[in-house]
C-alpha atoms as a PDB file:
ATOM      1  CA  MET A   1       0.053   0.002   0.001  1.00  0.00           C
ATOM      2  CA  SER A   2       2.824   2.383   0.759  1.00  0.00           C
ATOM      3  CA  ARG A   3       4.320   1.902  -2.779  1.00  0.00           C
ATOM      4  CA  ALA A   4       0.935   2.505  -4.347  1.00  0.00           C
ATOM      5  CA  LYS A   5       0.453   5.658  -2.289  1.00  0.00           C
ATOM      6  CA  LYS A   6       3.958   6.894  -3.340  1.00  0.00           C
ATOM      7  CA  LEU A   7       3.274   6.114  -6.990  1.00  0.00           C
ATOM      8  CA  TYR A   8      -0.123   7.940  -6.791  1.00  0.00           C
ATOM      9  CA  ALA A   9       1.491  10.951  -5.120  1.00  0.00           C
ATOM     10  CA  GLY A  10       4.204  11.050  -7.701  1.00  0.00           C
ATOM     11  CA  LEU A  11       1.712  10.942 -10.534  1.00  0.00           C
ATOM     12  CA  MET A  12      -0.343  13.641  -9.075  1.00  0.00           C
ATOM     13  CA  GLU A  13       2.706  15.828  -8.559  1.00  0.00           C
ATOM     14  CA  VAL A  14       3.678  15.385 -12.183  1.00  0.00           C
ATOM     15  CA  VAL A  15       0.161  16.083 -13.416  1.00  0.00           C
ATOM     16  CA  LEU A  16      -0.639  19.074 -11.111  1.00  0.00           C
ATOM     17  CA  ARG A  17       2.768  20.712 -11.512  1.00  0.00           C
ATOM     18  CA  PRO A  18       2.309  24.409 -12.578  1.00  0.00           C
ATOM     19  CA  THR A  19       4.415  24.166 -15.752  1.00  0.00           C
ATOM     20  CA  GLU A  20       3.713  24.111 -19.472  1.00  0.00           C
ATOM     21  CA  ALA A  21       4.586  20.412 -19.802  1.00  0.00           C
ATOM     22  CA  ALA A  22       2.147  19.523 -17.036  1.00  0.00           C
ATOM     23  CA  GLN A  23      -0.500  21.725 -18.640  1.00  0.00           C
ATOM     24  CA  LEU A  24      -0.230  19.765 -21.863  1.00  0.00           C
ATOM     25  CA  ARG A  25      -0.457  16.465 -19.905  1.00  0.00           C
ATOM     26  CA  ARG A  26      -3.679  17.668 -18.253  1.00  0.00           C
ATOM     27  CA  GLN A  27      -5.130  18.470 -21.621  1.00  0.00           C
ATOM     28  CA  VAL A  28      -4.383  14.946 -22.903  1.00  0.00           C
ATOM     29  CA  LEU A  29      -5.517  13.243 -19.688  1.00  0.00           C
ATOM     30  CA  PHE A  30      -8.870  15.078 -19.862  1.00  0.00           C
ATOM     31  CA  PHE A  31      -9.672  13.345 -23.175  1.00  0.00           C
ATOM     32  CA  ILE A  32      -8.664   9.825 -22.160  1.00  0.00           C
ATOM     33  CA  PRO A  33     -12.020   8.917 -20.620  1.00  0.00           C
ATOM     34  CA  PHE A  34     -13.911  10.687 -23.413  1.00  0.00           C
ATOM     35  CA  PRO A  35     -14.644   7.442 -25.349  1.00  0.00           C
ATOM     36  CA  LEU A  36     -16.327   5.816 -22.382  1.00  0.00           C
ATOM     37  CA  PRO A  37     -19.456   8.046 -22.322  1.00  0.00           C
ATOM     38  CA  VAL A  38     -19.609   7.744 -26.082  1.00  0.00           C
ATOM     39  CA  LEU A  39     -19.514   3.954 -25.794  1.00  0.00           C
ATOM     40  CA  GLY A  40     -22.247   3.941 -23.208  1.00  0.00           C
ATOM     41  CA  LEU A  41     -24.509   6.253 -25.226  1.00  0.00           C
ATOM     42  CA  VAL A  42     -24.103   4.248 -28.395  1.00  0.00           C
ATOM     43  CA  ALA A  43     -24.719   1.016 -26.473  1.00  0.00           C
ATOM     44  CA  LEU A  44     -28.103   2.371 -25.300  1.00  0.00           C
ATOM     45  CA  LEU A  45     -29.097   3.543 -28.778  1.00  0.00           C
ATOM     46  CA  VAL A  46     -28.218   0.186 -30.472  1.00  0.00           C
ATOM     47  CA  GLY A  47     -29.704  -1.960 -27.678  1.00  0.00           C
ATOM     48  CA  GLY A  48     -26.380  -3.535 -26.667  1.00  0.00           C
ATOM     49  CA  ARG A  49     -25.951  -5.488 -29.938  1.00  0.00           C
ATOM     50  CA  LEU A  50     -22.375  -6.217 -31.166  1.00  0.00           C
ATOM     51  CA  SER A  51     -22.845  -7.377 -34.723  1.00  0.00           C
ATOM     52  CA  ALA A  52     -22.641  -4.966 -37.618  1.00  0.00           C
ATOM     53  CA  PRO A  53     -21.979  -5.058 -41.357  1.00  0.00           C
ATOM     54  CA  GLY A  54     -18.390  -5.963 -42.169  1.00  0.00           C
ATOM     55  CA  TRP A  55     -17.816  -3.003 -44.478  1.00  0.00           C
ATOM     56  CA  MET A  56     -18.717  -0.658 -41.614  1.00  0.00           C
ATOM     57  CA  ILE A  57     -16.261  -2.367 -39.278  1.00  0.00           C
ATOM     58  CA  LEU A  58     -13.601  -2.140 -42.016  1.00  0.00           C
ATOM     59  CA  LEU A  59     -14.412   1.585 -42.552  1.00  0.00           C
ATOM     60  CA  SER A  60     -13.935   2.499 -38.836  1.00  0.00           C
ATOM     61  CA  SER A  61     -10.834   0.341 -38.553  1.00  0.00           C
ATOM     62  CA  SER A  62      -9.170   1.867 -41.630  1.00  0.00           C
ATOM     63  CA  VAL A  63      -9.830   5.387 -40.308  1.00  0.00           C
ATOM     64  CA  ALA A  64      -8.298   4.421 -36.924  1.00  0.00           C
ATOM     65  CA  VAL A  65      -5.260   2.887 -38.592  1.00  0.00           C
ATOM     66  CA  ALA A  66      -4.748   5.936 -40.791  1.00  0.00           C
ATOM     67  CA  SER A  67      -4.976   8.330 -37.829  1.00  0.00           C
ATOM     68  CA  LEU A  68      -2.512   6.204 -35.863  1.00  0.00           C
ATOM     69  CA  LEU A  69       0.051   6.158 -38.608  1.00  0.00           C
ATOM     70  CA  LEU A  70      -0.402   9.859 -39.139  1.00  0.00           C
ATOM     71  CA  ALA A  71       0.071  10.546 -35.426  1.00  0.00           C
ATOM     72  CA  VAL A  72       3.329   8.516 -35.453  1.00  0.00           C
ATOM     73  CA  VAL A  73       4.741  10.158 -38.550  1.00  0.00           C
ATOM     74  CA  VAL A  74       3.715  13.809 -38.129  1.00  0.00           C
ATOM     75  CA  GLN A  75       6.278  16.006 -36.429  1.00  0.00           C
ATOM     76  CA  PRO A  76       6.752  19.730 -35.842  1.00  0.00           C
ATOM     77  CA  SER A  77       8.293  21.754 -38.740  1.00  0.00           C
ATOM     78  CA  PRO A  78      11.953  22.895 -38.351  1.00  0.00           C
ATOM     79  CA  LEU A  79      12.759  26.223 -36.879  1.00  0.00           C
ATOM     80  CA  PRO A  80      14.011  28.927 -39.226  1.00  0.00           C
ATOM     81  CA  GLU A  81      17.657  29.989 -39.093  1.00  0.00           C
ATOM     82  CA  GLY A  82      18.974  32.944 -37.151  1.00  0.00           C
ATOM     83  CA  LEU A  83      16.578  32.820 -34.187  1.00  0.00           C
ATOM     84  CA  SER A  84      17.599  34.120 -30.815  1.00  0.00           C
ATOM     85  CA  ALA A  85      17.307  31.987 -27.678  1.00  0.00           C
ATOM     86  CA  GLN A  86      14.147  33.770 -26.561  1.00  0.00           C
ATOM     87  CA  ALA A  87      12.500  33.434 -29.930  1.00  0.00           C
ATOM     88  CA  SER A  88      13.502  29.778 -30.111  1.00  0.00           C
ATOM     89  CA  VAL A  89      11.839  29.138 -26.715  1.00  0.00           C
ATOM     90  CA  ARG A  90       8.587  30.791 -27.788  1.00  0.00           C
ATOM     91  CA  ARG A  91       8.438  29.171 -31.185  1.00  0.00           C
ATOM     92  CA  SER A  92       9.390  25.694 -29.923  1.00  0.00           C
ATOM     93  CA  LEU A  93       6.752  25.790 -27.221  1.00  0.00           C
ATOM     94  CA  HIS A  94       4.100  27.018 -29.712  1.00  0.00           C
ATOM     95  CA  ARG A  95       4.832  24.321 -32.227  1.00  0.00           C
ATOM     96  CA  PHE A  96       4.838  21.619 -29.617  1.00  0.00           C
ATOM     97  CA  ARG A  97       1.444  22.772 -28.438  1.00  0.00           C
ATOM     98  CA  GLN A  98       0.117  22.582 -31.946  1.00  0.00           C
ATOM     99  CA  ILE A  99       1.484  19.083 -32.507  1.00  0.00           C
ATOM    100  CA  THR A 100      -0.039  17.846 -29.165  1.00  0.00           C
ATOM    101  CA  ALA A 101      -3.469  19.321 -30.110  1.00  0.00           C
ATOM    102  CA  LEU A 102      -3.168  17.681 -33.559  1.00  0.00           C
ATOM    103  CA  ARG A 103      -2.374  14.294 -32.081  1.00  0.00           C
ATOM    104  CA  THR A 104      -5.277  14.586 -29.642  1.00  0.00           C
ATOM    105  CA  GLY A 105      -7.634  15.398 -32.488  1.00  0.00           C
ATOM    106  CA  LEU A 106      -6.311  12.470 -34.545  1.00  0.00           C
ATOM    107  CA  ALA A 107      -6.986  10.225 -31.511  1.00  0.00           C
ATOM    108  CA  LEU A 108     -10.609  11.433 -31.170  1.00  0.00           C
ATOM    109  CA  THR A 109     -11.411  11.162 -34.853  1.00  0.00           C
ATOM    110  CA  PRO A 110     -11.745   7.373 -34.946  1.00  0.00           C
ATOM    111  CA  VAL A 111     -14.089   7.575 -31.951  1.00  0.00           C
ATOM    112  CA  VAL A 112     -16.470   9.851 -33.741  1.00  0.00           C
ATOM    113  CA  ILE A 113     -16.298   7.785 -36.996  1.00  0.00           C
ATOM    114  CA  GLY A 114     -16.723   4.530 -35.024  1.00  0.00           C
ATOM    115  CA  ALA A 115     -19.775   5.924 -33.191  1.00  0.00           C
ATOM    116  CA  GLY A 116     -21.413   6.984 -36.510  1.00  0.00           C
ATOM    117  CA  THR A 117     -20.769   3.622 -38.163  1.00  0.00           C
ATOM    118  CA  ALA A 118     -21.987   1.737 -35.099  1.00  0.00           C
ATOM    119  CA  LEU A 119     -25.239   3.656 -35.138  1.00  0.00           C
ATOM    120  CA  ALA A 120     -25.662   3.133 -38.881  1.00  0.00           C
ATOM    121  CA  GLY A 121     -24.848  -0.579 -38.666  1.00  0.00           C
ATOM    122  CA  GLY A 122     -26.860  -1.246 -35.528  1.00  0.00           C
ATOM    123  CA  GLY A 123     -24.009  -2.810 -33.533  1.00  0.00           C
ATOM    124  CA  LEU A 124     -21.024  -1.871 -31.261  1.00  0.00           C
ATOM    125  CA  MET A 125     -18.331  -3.667 -33.218  1.00  0.00           C
ATOM    126  CA  PRO A 126     -17.208  -0.700 -35.420  1.00  0.00           C
ATOM    127  CA  LEU A 127     -16.893   1.459 -32.314  1.00  0.00           C
ATOM    128  CA  LEU A 128     -14.979  -1.141 -30.383  1.00  0.00           C
ATOM    129  CA  ALA A 129     -12.549  -1.635 -33.297  1.00  0.00           C
ATOM    130  CA  ALA A 130     -11.936   2.172 -33.396  1.00  0.00           C
ATOM    131  CA  LEU A 131     -11.428   2.359 -29.588  1.00  0.00           C
ATOM    132  CA  VAL A 132      -8.742  -0.356 -29.647  1.00  0.00           C
ATOM    133  CA  LEU A 133      -6.664   1.892 -31.965  1.00  0.00           C
ATOM    134  CA  ALA A 134      -7.748   5.309 -30.608  1.00  0.00           C
ATOM    135  CA  TRP A 135      -6.564   4.974 -27.030  1.00  0.00           C
ATOM    136  CA  PRO A 136      -2.880   4.238 -27.930  1.00  0.00           C
ATOM    137  CA  GLN A 137      -2.845   7.499 -29.866  1.00  0.00           C
ATOM    138  CA  LEU A 138      -3.597   9.452 -26.679  1.00  0.00           C
ATOM    139  CA  VAL A 139      -0.462   7.902 -25.250  1.00  0.00           C
ATOM    140  CA  LEU A 140       1.500   9.146 -28.231  1.00  0.00           C
ATOM    141  CA  ALA A 141      -0.017  12.635 -27.659  1.00  0.00           C
ATOM    142  CA  MET A 142       1.202  12.640 -24.061  1.00  0.00           C
ATOM    143  CA  PRO A 143       4.229  14.929 -23.515  1.00  0.00           C
ATOM    144  CA  THR A 144       6.701  12.232 -22.427  1.00  0.00           C
ATOM    145  CA  PHE A 145      10.500  12.171 -22.706  1.00  0.00           C
ATOM    146  CA  PHE A 146      10.235  10.189 -25.880  1.00  0.00           C
ATOM    147  CA  THR A 147       7.726  12.540 -27.664  1.00  0.00           C
ATOM    148  CA  ILE A 148       9.554  15.670 -26.482  1.00  0.00           C
ATOM    149  CA  THR A 149      12.944  14.396 -27.710  1.00  0.00           C
ATOM    150  CA  ARG A 150      11.564  13.486 -31.129  1.00  0.00           C
ATOM    151  CA  ALA A 151       9.863  16.872 -31.455  1.00  0.00           C
ATOM    152  CA  ARG A 152      13.017  18.758 -30.454  1.00  0.00           C
ATOM    153  CA  ARG A 153      15.097  16.864 -32.996  1.00  0.00           C
ATOM    154  CA  ALA A 154      12.589  17.596 -35.718  1.00  0.00           C
ATOM    155  CA  MET A 155      12.661  21.316 -34.926  1.00  0.00           C
ATOM    156  CA  GLU A 156      16.490  21.269 -35.069  1.00  0.00           C
ATOM    157  CA  ALA A 157      16.595  19.792 -38.581  1.00  0.00           C
ATOM    158  CA  TRP A 158      17.869  23.029 -40.097  1.00  0.00           C
ATOM    159  CA  GLY A 159      20.550  23.715 -37.567  1.00  0.00           C
ATOM    160  CA  THR A 160      18.709  26.040 -35.236  1.00  0.00           C
ATOM    161  CA  ARG A 161      18.708  24.973 -31.652  1.00  0.00           C
ATOM    162  CA  ALA A 162      15.349  24.368 -30.183  1.00  0.00           C
ATOM    163  CA  TYR A 163      15.047  25.225 -26.448  1.00  0.00           C
ATOM    164  CA  LEU A 164      12.012  23.083 -26.038  1.00  0.00           C
ATOM    165  CA  TRP A 165      12.801  21.862 -22.562  1.00  0.00           C
ATOM    166  CA  ALA A 166      13.189  25.400 -21.369  1.00  0.00           C
ATOM    167  CA  GLY A 167       9.861  26.299 -22.847  1.00  0.00           C
ATOM    168  CA  LEU A 168       8.054  23.421 -21.246  1.00  0.00           C
ATOM    169  CA  ALA A 169       9.642  24.226 -17.885  1.00  0.00           C
ATOM    170  CA  GLN A 170       8.067  27.698 -17.850  1.00  0.00           C
ATOM    171  CA  PRO A 171       5.374  28.314 -15.150  1.00  0.00           C
ATOM    172  CA  ALA A 172       1.745  27.977 -16.162  1.00  0.00           C
ATOM    173  CA  ARG A 173      -1.614  28.036 -14.465  1.00  0.00           C
ATOM    174  CA  VAL A 174      -3.118  24.719 -13.390  1.00  0.00           C
ATOM    175  CA  GLU A 175      -6.101  24.405 -15.746  1.00  0.00           C
ATOM    176  CA  TRP A 176      -8.363  21.658 -17.028  1.00  0.00           C
ATOM    177  CA  PRO A 177     -10.202  21.895 -20.340  1.00  0.00           C
ATOM    178  CA  VAL A 178     -13.823  22.935 -20.091  1.00  0.00           C
ATOM    179  CA  VAL A 179     -13.869  22.533 -16.286  1.00  0.00           C
ATOM    180  CA  THR A 180     -11.631  25.503 -15.534  1.00  0.00           C
ATOM    181  CA  TYR A 181     -13.649  27.638 -17.983  1.00  0.00           C
ATOM    182  CA  LEU A 182     -16.975  26.787 -16.368  1.00  0.00           C
ATOM    183  CA  MET A 183     -15.553  27.396 -12.833  1.00  0.00           C
ATOM    184  CA  ASP A 184     -14.227  30.769 -13.834  1.00  0.00           C
ATOM    185  CA  ARG A 185     -17.571  31.784 -15.319  1.00  0.00           C
ATOM    186  CA  TYR A 186     -19.377  30.615 -12.128  1.00  0.00           C
ATOM    187  CA  ARG A 187     -16.995  32.670  -9.899  1.00  0.00           C
ATOM    188  CA  GLU A 188     -17.386  35.730 -12.093  1.00  0.00           C
ATOM    189  CA  ARG A 189     -21.135  35.459 -11.910  1.00  0.00           C
ATOM    190  CA  LYS A 190     -21.028  34.958  -8.159  1.00  0.00           C
ATOM    191  CA  GLU A 191     -18.793  37.994  -7.701  1.00  0.00           C
ATOM    192  CA  ARG A 192     -20.965  40.037  -9.913  1.00  0.00           C
ATOM    193  CA  ALA A 193     -24.037  39.121  -7.966  1.00  0.00           C
ATOM    194  CA  ALA A 194     -22.249  39.965  -4.678  1.00  0.00           C
ATOM    195  CA  ARG A 195     -21.322  43.390  -6.035  1.00  0.00           C
ATOM    196  CA  GLN A 196     -24.830  44.126  -7.321  1.00  0.00           C
ATOM    197  CA  ASN A 197     -26.763  43.168  -4.174  1.00  0.00           C
ATOM    198  CA  PRO A 198     -25.291  45.944  -1.920  1.00  0.00           C
ATOM    199  CA  ALA A 199     -25.699  48.451  -4.825  1.00  0.00           C
ATOM    200  CA  ASN A 200     -29.340  47.464  -5.197  1.00  0.00           C
ATOM    201  CA  ALA A 201     -30.033  47.762  -1.529  1.00  0.00           C
ATOM    202  CA  HIS A 202     -28.326  51.207  -1.375  1.00  0.00           C
ATOM    203  CA  GLY A 203     -30.269  52.235  -4.508  1.00  0.00           C
ATOM    204  CA  ALA A 204     -33.538  51.174  -2.912  1.00  0.00           C
ATOM    205  CA  ALA A 205     -32.820  53.169   0.180  1.00  0.00           C
ATOM    206  CA  ASN A 206     -31.964  56.224  -1.865  1.00  0.00           C
ATOM    207  CA  ASP A 207     -35.169  55.763  -3.846  1.00  0.00           C
ATOM    208  CA  GLY A 208     -37.181  55.712  -0.637  1.00  0.00           C
ATOM    209  CA  GLU A 209     -35.559  58.926   0.611  1.00  0.00           C
ATOM    210  CA  GLU A 210     -36.220  60.557  -2.681  1.00  0.00           C
ATOM    211  CA  GLY A 211     -39.796  59.475  -2.673  1.00  0.00           C
ATOM    212  CA  SER A 212     -40.406  60.769   0.871  1.00  0.00           C
ATOM    213  CA  ALA A 213     -38.816  64.125  -0.075  1.00  0.00           C
ATOM    214  CA  SER A 214     -40.788  64.442  -3.261  1.00  0.00           C
ATOM    215  CA  GLY A 215     -43.995  63.804  -1.407  1.00  0.00           C
ATOM    216  CA  THR A 216     -43.763  67.248   0.192  1.00  0.00           C
ATOM    217  CA  TRP A 217     -44.381  69.039  -3.082  1.00  0.00           C
ATOM    218  CA  GLU A 218     -46.229  66.477  -5.142  1.00  0.00           C
ATOM    219  CA  ASP A 219     -49.412  68.590  -4.843  1.00  0.00           C
ATOM    220  CA  SER A 220     -48.044  71.855  -6.215  1.00  0.00           C
ATOM    221  CA  GLY A 221     -45.152  70.512  -8.355  1.00  0.00           C
ATOM    222  CA  LEU A 222     -42.673  72.813  -6.476  1.00  0.00           C
ATOM    223  CA  PRO A 223     -40.693  72.454  -3.277  1.00  0.00           C
ATOM    224  CA  GLU A 224     -42.329  73.594  -0.047  1.00  0.00           C
ATOM    225  CA  ARG A 225     -40.137  76.696   0.316  1.00  0.00           C
ATOM    226  CA  MET A 226     -41.053  77.836  -3.129  1.00  0.00           C
ATOM    227  CA  ALA A 227     -44.721  76.950  -3.199  1.00  0.00           C
ATOM    228  CA  ALA A 228     -47.120  79.784  -2.386  1.00  0.00           C
ATOM    229  CA  SER A 229     -50.324  78.979  -0.498  1.00  0.00           C
ATOM    230  CA  ALA A 230     -53.704  80.439  -1.469  1.00  0.00           C
ATOM    231  CA  GLU A 231     -54.106  82.403   1.804  1.00  0.00           C
ATOM    232  CA  ASP A 232     -50.733  84.212   1.728  1.00  0.00           C
ATOM    233  CA  PRO A 233     -49.060  84.352  -1.682  1.00  0.00           C
ATOM    234  CA  ARG A 234     -45.852  85.729  -0.039  1.00  0.00           C
ATOM    235  CA  ALA A 235     -45.552  82.960   2.487  1.00  0.00           C
ATOM    236  CA  GLY A 236     -43.562  80.707   0.188  1.00  0.00           C
ATOM    237  CA  GLN A 237     -41.364  83.622  -0.957  1.00  0.00           C
ATOM    238  CA  GLY A 238     -40.232  84.363   2.589  1.00  0.00           C
ATOM    239  CA  ASN A 239     -38.735  80.908   2.917  1.00  0.00           C
ATOM    240  CA  LEU A 240     -36.336  81.561   0.082  1.00  0.00           C
ATOM    241  CA  VAL A 241     -33.824  83.147   2.494  1.00  0.00           C
ATOM    242  CA  PRO A 242     -34.103  81.448   5.882  1.00  0.00           C
ATOM    243  CA  GLY A 243     -33.900  83.828   8.815  1.00  0.00           C
ATOM    244  CA  PHE A 244     -35.245  86.951   7.098  1.00  0.00           C
ATOM    245  CA  PRO A 245     -38.817  88.055   7.296  1.00  0.00           C
ATOM    246  CA  VAL A 246     -41.009  88.464   4.193  1.00  0.00           C
ATOM    247  CA  SER A 247     -40.966  92.284   4.565  1.00  0.00           C
ATOM    248  CA  GLU A 248     -37.258  92.543   4.218  1.00  0.00           C
ATOM    249  CA  VAL A 249     -37.049  90.126   1.312  1.00  0.00           C
ATOM    250  CA  VAL A 250     -40.173  90.833  -0.714  1.00  0.00           C
ATOM    251  CA  ALA A 251     -41.476  94.281   0.366  1.00  0.00           C
ATOM    252  CA  SER A 252     -38.143  96.092  -0.103  1.00  0.00           C
ATOM    253  CA  PRO A 253     -38.436  98.416  -3.134  1.00  0.00           C
ATOM    254  CA  ALA A 254     -36.230  97.709  -6.077  1.00  0.00           C
ATOM    255  CA  ARG A 255     -33.327 100.162  -6.755  1.00  0.00           C
ATOM    256  CA  ARG A 256     -33.903 102.401  -9.649  1.00  0.00           C
ATOM    257  CA  ILE A 257     -31.564 101.880 -12.529  1.00  0.00           C
ATOM    258  CA  LEU A 258     -30.608 104.974 -14.469  1.00  0.00           C
ATOM    259  CA  ARG A 259     -30.417 104.628 -18.174  1.00  0.00           C
ATOM    260  CA  THR A 260     -28.311 107.022 -20.166  1.00  0.00           C
ATOM    261  CA  GLY A 261     -29.872 108.384 -23.323  1.00  0.00           C
ATOM    262  CA  ASP A 262     -28.834 110.637 -26.090  1.00  0.00           C
ATOM    263  CA  GLY A 263     -30.009 113.801 -24.364  1.00  0.00           C
ATOM    264  CA  LEU A 264     -27.867 113.007 -21.238  1.00  0.00           C
ATOM    265  CA  ARG A 265     -24.807 112.325 -23.388  1.00  0.00           C
ATOM    266  CA  ARG A 266     -25.273 115.671 -25.168  1.00  0.00           C
ATOM    267  CA  LYS A 267     -25.499 117.553 -21.827  1.00  0.00           C
ATOM    268  CA  VAL A 268     -22.344 115.868 -20.471  1.00  0.00           C
ATOM    269  CA  ARG A 269     -20.453 116.685 -23.634  1.00  0.00           C
ATOM    270  CA  ALA A 270     -21.725 120.299 -23.616  1.00  0.00           C
ATOM    271  CA  GLY A 271     -20.633 120.692 -19.976  1.00  0.00           C
ATOM    272  CA  ARG A 272     -17.178 119.301 -20.662  1.00  0.00           C
ATOM    273  CA  GLY A 273     -16.775 121.657 -23.639  1.00  0.00           C
ATOM    274  CA  SER A 274     -17.626 124.720 -21.555  1.00  0.00           C
ATOM    275  CA  ARG A 275     -14.881 123.977 -19.032  1.00  0.00           C
ATOM    276  CA  ARG A 276     -12.116 123.933 -21.571  1.00  0.00           C
ATOM    277  CA  PRO A 277      -9.767 126.970 -21.505  1.00  0.00           C
ATOM    278  CA  LYS A 278     -10.015 129.315 -24.391  1.00  0.00           C
ATOM    279  CA  ALA A 279      -7.021 129.766 -26.568  1.00  0.00           C
ATOM    280  CA  LYS A 280      -5.256 133.131 -26.652  1.00  0.00           C
ATOM    281  CA  LYS A 281      -5.504 135.112 -29.791  1.00  0.00           C
END
């Protein structure tokens, strides 16, 4: 039991390590159990029967063999000459990601073709034949020492050194396909709801205060201090300036504003001209 626990702990440490290599391993491991639910669904639809036409079994098997050979042969393209070390790290990691995704897709293609032929033939044999050849392809897609070494040698075919190991050793977030995306969306929705609830409560309180304040002048359409009652028209005007009576605010006469006209201008000019000293003859 102790050896099994140590082996399990070592596998979990390799899988959950926050590096680019471990992230690619998590992506491949996520799709390893994918054929099982497909197999169960197809078994329910065909009623658990195994027999199917021979040409359908041959079709699904040929697709699985072709994808297996293609996954073994396909390798990343060589790196161009004259790359710096930093550019080599980025390009090597990017191309290895592409080849891993391609191998994963090649492994899942026979599963889809086998499921379709099994439904068309009315038996599980085409799907089972495809699964036998599809699962090993996921092992080839796994970033192991063998696959990484082969990919690095293929990238260095034109003489440019590929720093693939350095790129795979870079830190990366621990993510799982689909699961991490759904969890992130759930957390964002929960945080958004938590931010909106206090805002709604505060807005409702403000609405209540505004409603109570607006109720004081809803009859006249004006605030209370500006509304004039029918008994005393000047009562509302006295509240415009708190602390001053109505007589001082309203009853005070307005100051007369003098307006200058043409006649006043002529008189001023005439008066200024009369004060000028006369010139001596």
